[in-house]
Amino acid sequence: MQIPLYMDEDAMSHSLTRELRARGVEVTTAMSEGTLGYDDPAQLEFAKSQGRVIYTYNIADYYALHIQYLTDGKTHAGMILAHQGRFTLGEQIRRTLRIIAALSAEEMRDRAEFLSAWG
C-alpha cells in the first residue's frame, strides 16, 4: 500500500501539499483535519490513528518522540523528517516521491526517515 501522508502544522505548505496530490500522493494536513494546535505527541497519535506517515520540519522533537516510542514499545505509522528551508519545493517533492516509491506504508511503520538521506 502506498504511503499516505499527514502534514503537521509546521510542514503543511499549500504548495507542497498541492504538488504531492497532483502526483497521486494521498495527503492531508493538520488544517484540514482540525488538529491545529495539537502538541507533537497528539499529532503523532492522530497520524497513527489515520494510518498516515507524518511529514514534519520539527526534526529534533519528532526524532526524540520516535526514540521514546521505540523504547516504550509503542508504535507509530512512520515519520518523514525534513529540514525546513534546506530544500527547494521541487527537491522536497522529488525526495518524498523517492521514499514513497521505495517503501510501503507497512515498511514505514515505526520508522523515521530523514528527507536528507533520499537525495
PDB file of N, CA and C in Angstrom:
ATOM      1  N   MET A   1       0.840  -1.178   0.000  1.00  0.00           N
ATOM      2  CA  MET A   1       0.000   0.000   0.000  1.00  0.00           C
ATOM      3  C   MET A   1       0.887   1.245   0.000  1.00  0.00           C
ATOM      4  N   GLN A   2       0.512   2.237  -0.822  1.00  0.00           N
ATOM      5  CA  GLN A   2       1.280   3.477  -0.897  1.00  0.00           C
ATOM      6  C   GLN A   2       1.166   4.254   0.414  1.00  0.00           C
ATOM      7  N   ILE A   3       2.214   4.969   0.732  1.00  0.00           N
ATOM      8  CA  ILE A   3       2.268   5.754   1.960  1.00  0.00           C
ATOM      9  C   ILE A   3       1.309   6.944   1.866  1.00  0.00           C
ATOM     10  N   PRO A   4       0.317   7.015   2.764  1.00  0.00           N
ATOM     11  CA  PRO A   4      -0.495   8.225   2.866  1.00  0.00           C
ATOM     12  C   PRO A   4       0.184   9.182   3.852  1.00  0.00           C
ATOM     13  N   LEU A   5       0.168  10.465   3.547  1.00  0.00           N
ATOM     14  CA  LEU A   5       0.870  11.447   4.370  1.00  0.00           C
ATOM     15  C   LEU A   5      -0.076  12.330   5.171  1.00  0.00           C
ATOM     16  N   TYR A   6       0.428  12.756   6.312  1.00  0.00           N
ATOM     17  CA  TYR A   6      -0.228  13.752   7.160  1.00  0.00           C
ATOM     18  C   TYR A   6       0.797  14.839   7.417  1.00  0.00           C
ATOM     19  N   MET A   7       0.536  16.041   6.914  1.00  0.00           N
ATOM     20  CA  MET A   7       1.453  17.160   7.092  1.00  0.00           C
ATOM     21  C   MET A   7       1.122  17.865   8.403  1.00  0.00           C
ATOM     22  N   ASP A   8       2.070  17.877   9.340  1.00  0.00           N
ATOM     23  CA  ASP A   8       1.793  18.590  10.588  1.00  0.00           C
ATOM     24  C   ASP A   8       1.771  20.088  10.309  1.00  0.00           C
ATOM     25  N   GLU A   9       1.408  20.877  11.302  1.00  0.00           N
ATOM     26  CA  GLU A   9       1.186  22.300  11.033  1.00  0.00           C
ATOM     27  C   GLU A   9       2.450  23.051  10.649  1.00  0.00           C
ATOM     28  N   ASP A  10       3.625  22.535  10.992  1.00  0.00           N
ATOM     29  CA  ASP A  10       4.869  23.179  10.586  1.00  0.00           C
ATOM     30  C   ASP A  10       5.158  22.958   9.101  1.00  0.00           C
ATOM     31  N   ALA A  11       4.695  21.849   8.564  1.00  0.00           N
ATOM     32  CA  ALA A  11       5.075  21.452   7.207  1.00  0.00           C
ATOM     33  C   ALA A  11       3.935  21.495   6.199  1.00  0.00           C
ATOM     34  N   MET A  12       2.794  22.023   6.583  1.00  0.00           N
ATOM     35  CA  MET A  12       1.634  21.913   5.695  1.00  0.00           C
ATOM     36  C   MET A  12       1.574  23.012   4.633  1.00  0.00           C
ATOM     37  N   SER A  13       2.678  23.231   3.983  1.00  0.00           N
ATOM     38  CA  SER A  13       2.742  24.180   2.882  1.00  0.00           C
ATOM     39  C   SER A  13       1.697  23.836   1.831  1.00  0.00           C
ATOM     40  N   HIS A  14       0.936  24.839   1.440  1.00  0.00           N
ATOM     41  CA  HIS A  14      -0.084  24.600   0.416  1.00  0.00           C
ATOM     42  C   HIS A  14       0.547  24.135  -0.885  1.00  0.00           C
ATOM     43  N   SER A  15       1.692  24.697  -1.230  1.00  0.00           N
ATOM     44  CA  SER A  15       2.364  24.326  -2.476  1.00  0.00           C
ATOM     45  C   SER A  15       2.821  22.871  -2.437  1.00  0.00           C
ATOM     46  N   LEU A  16       3.465  22.462  -1.358  1.00  0.00           N
ATOM     47  CA  LEU A  16       3.948  21.090  -1.247  1.00  0.00           C
ATOM     48  C   LEU A  16       2.782  20.118  -1.258  1.00  0.00           C
ATOM     49  N   THR A  17       1.762  20.407  -0.486  1.00  0.00           N
ATOM     50  CA  THR A  17       0.587  19.527  -0.429  1.00  0.00           C
ATOM     51  C   THR A  17      -0.062  19.418  -1.811  1.00  0.00           C
ATOM     52  N   ARG A  18      -0.270  20.546  -2.456  1.00  0.00           N
ATOM     53  CA  ARG A  18      -0.907  20.561  -3.781  1.00  0.00           C
ATOM     54  C   ARG A  18      -0.080  19.765  -4.796  1.00  0.00           C
ATOM     55  N   GLU A  19       1.232  19.975  -4.797  1.00  0.00           N
ATOM     56  CA  GLU A  19       2.079  19.300  -5.776  1.00  0.00           C
ATOM     57  C   GLU A  19       2.172  17.792  -5.536  1.00  0.00           C
ATOM     58  N   LEU A  20       2.191  17.383  -4.275  1.00  0.00           N
ATOM     59  CA  LEU A  20       2.186  15.944  -3.987  1.00  0.00           C
ATOM     60  C   LEU A  20       0.866  15.324  -4.417  1.00  0.00           C
ATOM     61  N   ARG A  21      -0.239  15.986  -4.134  1.00  0.00           N
ATOM     62  CA  ARG A  21      -1.546  15.488  -4.567  1.00  0.00           C
ATOM     63  C   ARG A  21      -1.610  15.374  -6.086  1.00  0.00           C
ATOM     64  N   ALA A  22      -1.054  16.357  -6.785  1.00  0.00           N
ATOM     65  CA  ALA A  22      -1.056  16.345  -8.249  1.00  0.00           C
ATOM     66  C   ALA A  22      -0.287  15.149  -8.796  1.00  0.00           C
ATOM     67  N   ARG A  23       0.599  14.604  -7.994  1.00  0.00           N
ATOM     68  CA  ARG A  23       1.384  13.433  -8.389  1.00  0.00           C
ATOM     69  C   ARG A  23       0.818  12.135  -7.820  1.00  0.00           C
ATOM     70  N   GLY A  24      -0.411  12.191  -7.334  1.00  0.00           N
ATOM     71  CA  GLY A  24      -1.111  10.991  -6.900  1.00  0.00           C
ATOM     72  C   GLY A  24      -0.885  10.572  -5.463  1.00  0.00           C
ATOM     73  N   VAL A  25      -0.242  11.407  -4.671  1.00  0.00           N
ATOM     74  CA  VAL A  25       0.004  11.069  -3.267  1.00  0.00           C
ATOM     75  C   VAL A  25      -1.216  11.463  -2.443  1.00  0.00           C
ATOM     76  N   GLU A  26      -1.630  10.570  -1.571  1.00  0.00           N
ATOM     77  CA  GLU A  26      -2.735  10.863  -0.657  1.00  0.00           C
ATOM     78  C   GLU A  26      -2.184  11.682   0.498  1.00  0.00           C
ATOM     79  N   VAL A  27      -2.603  12.945   0.589  1.00  0.00           N
ATOM     80  CA  VAL A  27      -2.075  13.871   1.579  1.00  0.00           C
ATOM     81  C   VAL A  27      -3.220  14.582   2.288  1.00  0.00           C
ATOM     82  N   THR A  28      -3.079  14.707   3.599  1.00  0.00           N
ATOM     83  CA  THR A  28      -3.972  15.552   4.376  1.00  0.00           C
ATOM     84  C   THR A  28      -3.112  16.429   5.276  1.00  0.00           C
ATOM     85  N   THR A  29      -3.720  17.447   5.849  1.00  0.00           N
ATOM     86  CA  THR A  29      -2.960  18.393   6.669  1.00  0.00           C
ATOM     87  C   THR A  29      -3.618  18.601   8.025  1.00  0.00           C
ATOM     88  N   ALA A  30      -2.850  19.155   8.935  1.00  0.00           N
ATOM     89  CA  ALA A  30      -3.390  19.487  10.255  1.00  0.00           C
ATOM     90  C   ALA A  30      -4.549  20.463  10.119  1.00  0.00           C
ATOM     91  N   MET A  31      -4.458  21.382   9.180  1.00  0.00           N
ATOM     92  CA  MET A  31      -5.533  22.343   8.994  1.00  0.00           C
ATOM     93  C   MET A  31      -6.822  21.649   8.533  1.00  0.00           C
ATOM     94  N   SER A  32      -6.706  20.795   7.526  1.00  0.00           N
ATOM     95  CA  SER A  32      -7.913  20.142   7.004  1.00  0.00           C
ATOM     96  C   SER A  32      -8.493  19.126   7.981  1.00  0.00           C
ATOM     97  N   GLU A  33      -7.679  18.627   8.886  1.00  0.00           N
ATOM     98  CA  GLU A  33      -8.145  17.637   9.866  1.00  0.00           C
ATOM     99  C   GLU A  33      -8.588  18.277  11.178  1.00  0.00           C
ATOM    100  N   GLY A  34      -8.410  19.587  11.306  1.00  0.00           N
ATOM    101  CA  GLY A  34      -8.823  20.260  12.534  1.00  0.00           C
ATOM    102  C   GLY A  34      -7.927  19.973  13.721  1.00  0.00           C
ATOM    103  N   THR A  35      -6.661  19.686  13.455  1.00  0.00           N
ATOM    104  CA  THR A  35      -5.739  19.350  14.536  1.00  0.00           C
ATOM    105  C   THR A  35      -4.693  20.443  14.780  1.00  0.00           C
ATOM    106  N   LEU A  36      -4.936  21.633  14.273  1.00  0.00           N
ATOM    107  CA  LEU A  36      -4.019  22.746  14.543  1.00  0.00           C
ATOM    108  C   LEU A  36      -3.936  22.973  16.052  1.00  0.00           C
ATOM    109  N   GLY A  37      -2.737  23.198  16.536  1.00  0.00           N
ATOM    110  CA  GLY A  37      -2.553  23.455  17.957  1.00  0.00           C
ATOM    111  C   GLY A  37      -2.326  22.209  18.799  1.00  0.00           C
ATOM    112  N   TYR A  38      -2.522  21.020  18.227  1.00  0.00           N
ATOM    113  CA  TYR A  38      -2.214  19.801  18.975  1.00  0.00           C
ATOM    114  C   TYR A  38      -0.718  19.765  19.243  1.00  0.00           C
ATOM    115  N   ASP A  39      -0.320  19.245  20.401  1.00  0.00           N
ATOM    116  CA  ASP A  39       1.111  19.102  20.659  1.00  0.00           C
ATOM    117  C   ASP A  39       1.663  17.940  19.831  1.00  0.00           C
ATOM    118  N   ASP A  40       2.988  17.796  19.823  1.00  0.00           N
ATOM    119  CA  ASP A  40       3.625  16.797  18.964  1.00  0.00           C
ATOM    120  C   ASP A  40       3.154  15.363  19.233  1.00  0.00           C
ATOM    121  N   PRO A  41       3.089  14.922  20.502  1.00  0.00           N
ATOM    122  CA  PRO A  41       2.595  13.560  20.731  1.00  0.00           C
ATOM    123  C   PRO A  41       1.166  13.357  20.220  1.00  0.00           C
ATOM    124  N   ALA A  42       0.318  14.361  20.379  1.00  0.00           N
ATOM    125  CA  ALA A  42      -1.062  14.242  19.885  1.00  0.00           C
ATOM    126  C   ALA A  42      -1.095  14.216  18.363  1.00  0.00           C
ATOM    127  N   GLN A  43      -0.217  14.993  17.710  1.00  0.00           N
ATOM    128  CA  GLN A  43      -0.139  14.969  16.247  1.00  0.00           C
ATOM    129  C   GLN A  43       0.286  13.572  15.775  1.00  0.00           C
ATOM    130  N   LEU A  44       1.284  13.013  16.441  1.00  0.00           N
ATOM    131  CA  LEU A  44       1.766  11.693  16.055  1.00  0.00           C
ATOM    132  C   LEU A  44       0.699  10.628  16.277  1.00  0.00           C
ATOM    133  N   GLU A  45      -0.016  10.720  17.372  1.00  0.00           N
ATOM    134  CA  GLU A  45      -1.100   9.771  17.645  1.00  0.00           C
ATOM    135  C   GLU A  45      -2.239   9.922  16.628  1.00  0.00           C
ATOM    136  N   PHE A  46      -2.542  11.167  16.238  1.00  0.00           N
ATOM    137  CA  PHE A  46      -3.571  11.363  15.226  1.00  0.00           C
ATOM    138  C   PHE A  46      -3.149  10.701  13.913  1.00  0.00           C
ATOM    139  N   ALA A  47      -1.905  10.959  13.491  1.00  0.00           N
ATOM    140  CA  ALA A  47      -1.403  10.354  12.257  1.00  0.00           C
ATOM    141  C   ALA A  47      -1.498   8.831  12.339  1.00  0.00           C
ATOM    142  N   LYS A  48      -1.113   8.277  13.473  1.00  0.00           N
ATOM    143  CA  LYS A  48      -1.187   6.824  13.670  1.00  0.00           C
ATOM    144  C   LYS A  48      -2.623   6.333  13.558  1.00  0.00           C
ATOM    145  N   SER A  49      -3.560   7.045  14.180  1.00  0.00           N
ATOM    146  CA  SER A  49      -4.968   6.621  14.156  1.00  0.00           C
ATOM    147  C   SER A  49      -5.532   6.613  12.742  1.00  0.00           C
ATOM    148  N   GLN A  50      -4.952   7.440  11.869  1.00  0.00           N
ATOM    149  CA  GLN A  50      -5.389   7.518  10.480  1.00  0.00           C
ATOM    150  C   GLN A  50      -4.539   6.644   9.548  1.00  0.00           C
ATOM    151  N   GLY A  51      -3.528   5.968  10.104  1.00  0.00           N
ATOM    152  CA  GLY A  51      -2.632   5.147   9.289  1.00  0.00           C
ATOM    153  C   GLY A  51      -1.775   5.975   8.351  1.00  0.00           C
ATOM    154  N   ARG A  52      -1.415   7.188   8.774  1.00  0.00           N
ATOM    155  CA  ARG A  52      -0.665   8.108   7.921  1.00  0.00           C
ATOM    156  C   ARG A  52       0.736   8.373   8.471  1.00  0.00           C
ATOM    157  N   VAL A  53       1.674   8.490   7.568  1.00  0.00           N
ATOM    158  CA  VAL A  53       3.038   8.872   7.918  1.00  0.00           C
ATOM    159  C   VAL A  53       3.050  10.381   8.107  1.00  0.00           C
ATOM    160  N   ILE A  54       3.595  10.829   9.212  1.00  0.00           N
ATOM    161  CA  ILE A  54       3.645  12.265   9.475  1.00  0.00           C
ATOM    162  C   ILE A  54       4.862  12.869   8.776  1.00  0.00           C
ATOM    163  N   TYR A  55       4.649  13.995   8.141  1.00  0.00           N
ATOM    164  CA  TYR A  55       5.707  14.755   7.477  1.00  0.00           C
ATOM    165  C   TYR A  55       5.877  16.031   8.283  1.00  0.00           C
ATOM    166  N   THR A  56       7.090  16.280   8.751  1.00  0.00           N
ATOM    167  CA  THR A  56       7.311  17.425   9.634  1.00  0.00           C
ATOM    168  C   THR A  56       8.682  18.034   9.428  1.00  0.00           C
ATOM    169  N   TYR A  57       8.782  19.335   9.739  1.00  0.00           N
ATOM    170  CA  TYR A  57      10.065  20.027   9.785  1.00  0.00           C
ATOM    171  C   TYR A  57      10.632  20.031  11.204  1.00  0.00           C
ATOM    172  N   ASN A  58       9.871  19.568  12.152  1.00  0.00           N
ATOM    173  CA  ASN A  58      10.259  19.590  13.561  1.00  0.00           C
ATOM    174  C   ASN A  58      11.082  18.334  13.878  1.00  0.00           C
ATOM    175  N   ILE A  59      12.281  18.296  13.323  1.00  0.00           N
ATOM    176  CA  ILE A  59      13.109  17.083  13.380  1.00  0.00           C
ATOM    177  C   ILE A  59      13.474  16.681  14.801  1.00  0.00           C
ATOM    178  N   ALA A  60      14.002  17.592  15.577  1.00  0.00           N
ATOM    179  CA  ALA A  60      14.511  17.244  16.911  1.00  0.00           C
ATOM    180  C   ALA A  60      13.422  16.657  17.792  1.00  0.00           C
ATOM    181  N   ASP A  61      12.275  17.320  17.853  1.00  0.00           N
ATOM    182  CA  ASP A  61      11.209  16.848  18.739  1.00  0.00           C
ATOM    183  C   ASP A  61      10.615  15.530  18.270  1.00  0.00           C
ATOM    184  N   TYR A  62      10.409  15.392  16.968  1.00  0.00           N
ATOM    185  CA  TYR A  62       9.807  14.148  16.482  1.00  0.00           C
ATOM    186  C   TYR A  62      10.779  12.990  16.520  1.00  0.00           C
ATOM    187  N   TYR A  63      12.060  13.237  16.285  1.00  0.00           N
ATOM    188  CA  TYR A  63      13.012  12.136  16.402  1.00  0.00           C
ATOM    189  C   TYR A  63      13.105  11.677  17.855  1.00  0.00           C
ATOM    190  N   ALA A  64      13.042  12.617  18.789  1.00  0.00           N
ATOM    191  CA  ALA A  64      13.019  12.245  20.208  1.00  0.00           C
ATOM    192  C   ALA A  64      11.765  11.417  20.519  1.00  0.00           C
ATOM    193  N   LEU A  65      10.622  11.798  19.947  1.00  0.00           N
ATOM    194  CA  LEU A  65       9.396  11.003  20.122  1.00  0.00           C
ATOM    195  C   LEU A  65       9.563   9.607  19.531  1.00  0.00           C
ATOM    196  N   HIS A  66      10.185   9.527  18.365  1.00  0.00           N
ATOM    197  CA  HIS A  66      10.441   8.231  17.723  1.00  0.00           C
ATOM    198  C   HIS A  66      11.245   7.321  18.651  1.00  0.00           C
ATOM    199  N   ILE A  67      12.318   7.839  19.204  1.00  0.00           N
ATOM    200  CA  ILE A  67      13.152   7.055  20.123  1.00  0.00           C
ATOM    201  C   ILE A  67      12.353   6.670  21.361  1.00  0.00           C
ATOM    202  N   GLN A  68      11.576   7.606  21.890  1.00  0.00           N
ATOM    203  CA  GLN A  68      10.751   7.314  23.065  1.00  0.00           C
ATOM    204  C   GLN A  68       9.745   6.203  22.757  1.00  0.00           C
ATOM    205  N   TYR A  69       9.108   6.274  21.602  1.00  0.00           N
ATOM    206  CA  TYR A  69       8.151   5.235  21.220  1.00  0.00           C
ATOM    207  C   TYR A  69       8.838   3.874  21.142  1.00  0.00           C
ATOM    208  N   LEU A  70      10.001   3.822  20.504  1.00  0.00           N
ATOM    209  CA  LEU A  70      10.712   2.544  20.390  1.00  0.00           C
ATOM    210  C   LEU A  70      11.094   2.012  21.765  1.00  0.00           C
ATOM    211  N   THR A  71      11.573   2.884  22.625  1.00  0.00           N
ATOM    212  CA  THR A  71      11.981   2.498  23.983  1.00  0.00           C
ATOM    213  C   THR A  71      10.792   1.978  24.787  1.00  0.00           C
ATOM    214  N   ASP A  72       9.648   2.638  24.641  1.00  0.00           N
ATOM    215  CA  ASP A  72       8.446   2.272  25.399  1.00  0.00           C
ATOM    216  C   ASP A  72       7.633   1.152  24.755  1.00  0.00           C
ATOM    217  N   GLY A  73       8.075   0.658  23.597  1.00  0.00           N
ATOM    218  CA  GLY A  73       7.339  -0.396  22.912  1.00  0.00           C
ATOM    219  C   GLY A  73       6.059   0.087  22.244  1.00  0.00           C
ATOM    220  N   LYS A  74       5.952   1.383  22.015  1.00  0.00           N
ATOM    221  CA  LYS A  74       4.790   1.952  21.338  1.00  0.00           C
ATOM    222  C   LYS A  74       5.048   1.982  19.837  1.00  0.00           C
ATOM    223  N   THR A  75       3.979   2.088  19.064  1.00  0.00           N
ATOM    224  CA  THR A  75       4.115   2.111  17.613  1.00  0.00           C
ATOM    225  C   THR A  75       3.580   3.423  17.041  1.00  0.00           C
ATOM    226  N   HIS A  76       4.065   3.748  15.871  1.00  0.00           N
ATOM    227  CA  HIS A  76       3.528   4.877  15.103  1.00  0.00           C
ATOM    228  C   HIS A  76       3.544   4.477  13.635  1.00  0.00           C
ATOM    229  N   ALA A  77       2.901   5.269  12.796  1.00  0.00           N
ATOM    230  CA  ALA A  77       2.759   4.920  11.375  1.00  0.00           C
ATOM    231  C   ALA A  77       3.979   5.319  10.554  1.00  0.00           C
ATOM    232  N   GLY A  78       4.920   6.037  11.161  1.00  0.00           N
ATOM    233  CA  GLY A  78       6.124   6.443  10.455  1.00  0.00           C
ATOM    234  C   GLY A  78       6.246   7.949  10.402  1.00  0.00           C
ATOM    235  N   MET A  79       7.470   8.400  10.093  1.00  0.00           N
ATOM    236  CA  MET A  79       7.777   9.831  10.040  1.00  0.00           C
ATOM    237  C   MET A  79       8.692  10.111   8.872  1.00  0.00           C
ATOM    238  N   ILE A  80       8.446  11.242   8.228  1.00  0.00           N
ATOM    239  CA  ILE A  80       9.407  11.809   7.288  1.00  0.00           C
ATOM    240  C   ILE A  80       9.836  13.135   7.906  1.00  0.00           C
ATOM    241  N   LEU A  81      11.129  13.248   8.187  1.00  0.00           N
ATOM    242  CA  LEU A  81      11.685  14.396   8.881  1.00  0.00           C
ATOM    243  C   LEU A  81      12.497  15.230   7.892  1.00  0.00           C
ATOM    244  N   ALA A  82      12.072  16.468   7.702  1.00  0.00           N
ATOM    245  CA  ALA A  82      12.705  17.339   6.709  1.00  0.00           C
ATOM    246  C   ALA A  82      13.207  18.614   7.358  1.00  0.00           C
ATOM    247  N   HIS A  83      14.368  19.076   6.934  1.00  0.00           N
ATOM    248  CA  HIS A  83      14.910  20.354   7.413  1.00  0.00           C
ATOM    249  C   HIS A  83      14.182  21.485   6.704  1.00  0.00           C
ATOM    250  N   GLN A  84      13.532  22.346   7.458  1.00  0.00           N
ATOM    251  CA  GLN A  84      12.805  23.472   6.882  1.00  0.00           C
ATOM    252  C   GLN A  84      13.775  24.423   6.183  1.00  0.00           C
ATOM    253  N   GLY A  85      13.460  24.774   4.956  1.00  0.00           N
ATOM    254  CA  GLY A  85      14.265  25.710   4.201  1.00  0.00           C
ATOM    255  C   GLY A  85      15.518  25.128   3.580  1.00  0.00           C
ATOM    256  N   ARG A  86      15.819  23.869   3.825  1.00  0.00           N
ATOM    257  CA  ARG A  86      17.039  23.273   3.281  1.00  0.00           C
ATOM    258  C   ARG A  86      16.886  22.908   1.817  1.00  0.00           C
ATOM    259  N   PHE A  87      15.682  22.482   1.427  1.00  0.00           N
ATOM    260  CA  PHE A  87      15.448  22.030   0.067  1.00  0.00           C
ATOM    261  C   PHE A  87      14.406  22.905  -0.620  1.00  0.00           C
ATOM    262  N   THR A  88      14.558  23.051  -1.918  1.00  0.00           N
ATOM    263  CA  THR A  88      13.540  23.741  -2.703  1.00  0.00           C
ATOM    264  C   THR A  88      12.270  22.901  -2.691  1.00  0.00           C
ATOM    265  N   LEU A  89      11.173  23.496  -3.114  1.00  0.00           N
ATOM    266  CA  LEU A  89       9.921  22.755  -3.232  1.00  0.00           C
ATOM    267  C   LEU A  89      10.104  21.548  -4.133  1.00  0.00           C
ATOM    268  N   GLY A  90      10.740  21.745  -5.275  1.00  0.00           N
ATOM    269  CA  GLY A  90      10.955  20.637  -6.207  1.00  0.00           C
ATOM    270  C   GLY A  90      11.764  19.513  -5.598  1.00  0.00           C
ATOM    271  N   GLU A  91      12.793  19.868  -4.840  1.00  0.00           N
ATOM    272  CA  GLU A  91      13.625  18.845  -4.206  1.00  0.00           C
ATOM    273  C   GLU A  91      12.849  18.103  -3.119  1.00  0.00           C
ATOM    274  N   GLN A  92      12.031  18.804  -2.368  1.00  0.00           N
ATOM    275  CA  GLN A  92      11.196  18.121  -1.366  1.00  0.00           C
ATOM    276  C   GLN A  92      10.265  17.125  -2.047  1.00  0.00           C
ATOM    277  N   ILE A  93       9.671  17.525  -3.148  1.00  0.00           N
ATOM    278  CA  ILE A  93       8.767  16.636  -3.879  1.00  0.00           C
ATOM    279  C   ILE A  93       9.529  15.417  -4.387  1.00  0.00           C
ATOM    280  N   ARG A  94      10.666  15.633  -5.051  1.00  0.00           N
ATOM    281  CA  ARG A  94      11.444  14.509  -5.587  1.00  0.00           C
ATOM    282  C   ARG A  94      11.848  13.524  -4.491  1.00  0.00           C
ATOM    283  N   ARG A  95      12.352  14.043  -3.384  1.00  0.00           N
ATOM    284  CA  ARG A  95      12.805  13.157  -2.311  1.00  0.00           C
ATOM    285  C   ARG A  95      11.637  12.419  -1.654  1.00  0.00           C
ATOM    286  N   THR A  96      10.532  13.120  -1.469  1.00  0.00           N
ATOM    287  CA  THR A  96       9.356  12.474  -0.877  1.00  0.00           C
ATOM    288  C   THR A  96       8.842  11.371  -1.806  1.00  0.00           C
ATOM    289  N   LEU A  97       8.807  11.642  -3.094  1.00  0.00           N
ATOM    290  CA  LEU A  97       8.361  10.624  -4.056  1.00  0.00           C
ATOM    291  C   LEU A  97       9.305   9.428  -4.083  1.00  0.00           C
ATOM    292  N   ARG A  98      10.602   9.654  -3.864  1.00  0.00           N
ATOM    293  CA  ARG A  98      11.554   8.532  -3.783  1.00  0.00           C
ATOM    294  C   ARG A  98      11.222   7.634  -2.588  1.00  0.00           C
ATOM    295  N   ILE A  99      10.920   8.244  -1.466  1.00  0.00           N
ATOM    296  CA  ILE A  99      10.555   7.453  -0.285  1.00  0.00           C
ATOM    297  C   ILE A  99       9.299   6.646  -0.575  1.00  0.00           C
ATOM    298  N   ILE A 100       8.299   7.308  -1.140  1.00  0.00           N
ATOM    299  CA  ILE A 100       7.017   6.640  -1.429  1.00  0.00           C
ATOM    300  C   ILE A 100       7.192   5.509  -2.430  1.00  0.00           C
ATOM    301  N   ALA A 101       8.084   5.694  -3.400  1.00  0.00           N
ATOM    302  CA  ALA A 101       8.334   4.640  -4.394  1.00  0.00           C
ATOM    303  C   ALA A 101       9.096   3.456  -3.801  1.00  0.00           C
ATOM    304  N   ALA A 102       9.934   3.731  -2.809  1.00  0.00           N
ATOM    305  CA  ALA A 102      10.808   2.693  -2.264  1.00  0.00           C
ATOM    306  C   ALA A 102      10.197   1.912  -1.100  1.00  0.00           C
ATOM    307  N   LEU A 103       9.315   2.545  -0.341  1.00  0.00           N
ATOM    308  CA  LEU A 103       8.804   1.929   0.888  1.00  0.00           C
ATOM    309  C   LEU A 103       7.280   1.901   0.885  1.00  0.00           C
ATOM    310  N   SER A 104       6.727   0.837   1.399  1.00  0.00           N
ATOM    311  CA  SER A 104       5.271   0.741   1.547  1.00  0.00           C
ATOM    312  C   SER A 104       4.864   1.340   2.890  1.00  0.00           C
ATOM    313  N   ALA A 105       3.575   1.542   3.060  1.00  0.00           N
ATOM    314  CA  ALA A 105       3.060   2.030   4.343  1.00  0.00           C
ATOM    315  C   ALA A 105       3.450   1.069   5.466  1.00  0.00           C
ATOM    316  N   GLU A 106       3.407  -0.222   5.171  1.00  0.00           N
ATOM    317  CA  GLU A 106       3.771  -1.218   6.184  1.00  0.00           C
ATOM    318  C   GLU A 106       5.248  -1.106   6.560  1.00  0.00           C
ATOM    319  N   GLU A 107       6.098  -0.865   5.562  1.00  0.00           N
ATOM    320  CA  GLU A 107       7.533  -0.738   5.828  1.00  0.00           C
ATOM    321  C   GLU A 107       7.865   0.549   6.589  1.00  0.00           C
ATOM    322  N   MET A 108       7.017   1.545   6.488  1.00  0.00           N
ATOM    323  CA  MET A 108       7.245   2.808   7.188  1.00  0.00           C
ATOM    324  C   MET A 108       6.873   2.749   8.667  1.00  0.00           C
ATOM    325  N   ARG A 109       6.096   1.750   9.063  1.00  0.00           N
ATOM    326  CA  ARG A 109       5.698   1.673  10.467  1.00  0.00           C
ATOM    327  C   ARG A 109       6.923   1.688  11.368  1.00  0.00           C
ATOM    328  N   ASP A 110       6.862   2.564  12.356  1.00  0.00           N
ATOM    329  CA  ASP A 110       7.907   2.698  13.373  1.00  0.00           C
ATOM    330  C   ASP A 110       9.259   3.133  12.814  1.00  0.00           C
ATOM    331  N   ARG A 111       9.252   3.749  11.641  1.00  0.00           N
ATOM    332  CA  ARG A 111      10.480   4.262  11.038  1.00  0.00           C
ATOM    333  C   ARG A 111      10.479   5.781  11.047  1.00  0.00           C
ATOM    334  N   ALA A 112      11.658   6.337  11.139  1.00  0.00           N
ATOM    335  CA  ALA A 112      11.865   7.768  10.962  1.00  0.00           C
ATOM    336  C   ALA A 112      12.832   7.918   9.801  1.00  0.00           C
ATOM    337  N   GLU A 113      12.353   8.478   8.714  1.00  0.00           N
ATOM    338  CA  GLU A 113      13.176   8.678   7.518  1.00  0.00           C
ATOM    339  C   GLU A 113      13.519  10.153   7.393  1.00  0.00           C
ATOM    340  N   PHE A 114      14.791  10.433   7.235  1.00  0.00           N
ATOM    341  CA  PHE A 114      15.253  11.799   7.045  1.00  0.00           C
ATOM    342  C   PHE A 114      15.241  12.113   5.562  1.00  0.00           C
ATOM    343  N   LEU A 115      14.538  13.158   5.180  1.00  0.00           N
ATOM    344  CA  LEU A 115      14.442  13.538   3.768  1.00  0.00           C
ATOM    345  C   LEU A 115      15.832  13.745   3.173  1.00  0.00           C
ATOM    346  N   SER A 116      16.763  14.214   3.981  1.00  0.00           N
ATOM    347  CA  SER A 116      18.124  14.482   3.510  1.00  0.00           C
ATOM    348  C   SER A 116      18.847  13.208   3.036  1.00  0.00           C
ATOM    349  N   ALA A 117      18.401  12.050   3.469  1.00  0.00           N
ATOM    350  CA  ALA A 117      19.041  10.795   3.086  1.00  0.00           C
ATOM    351  C   ALA A 117      18.557  10.277   1.736  1.00  0.00           C
ATOM    352  N   TRP A 118      17.570  10.941   1.144  1.00  0.00           N
ATOM    353  CA  TRP A 118      16.939  10.448  -0.080  1.00  0.00           C
ATOM    354  C   TRP A 118      17.279  11.311  -1.302  1.00  0.00           C
ATOM    355  N   GLY A 119      18.520  11.755  -1.396  1.00  0.00           N
ATOM    356  CA  GLY A 119      18.959  12.630  -2.479  1.00  0.00           C
ATOM    357  C   GLY A 119      19.289  11.969  -3.742  1.00  0.00           C
TER     358      GLY A 119
END
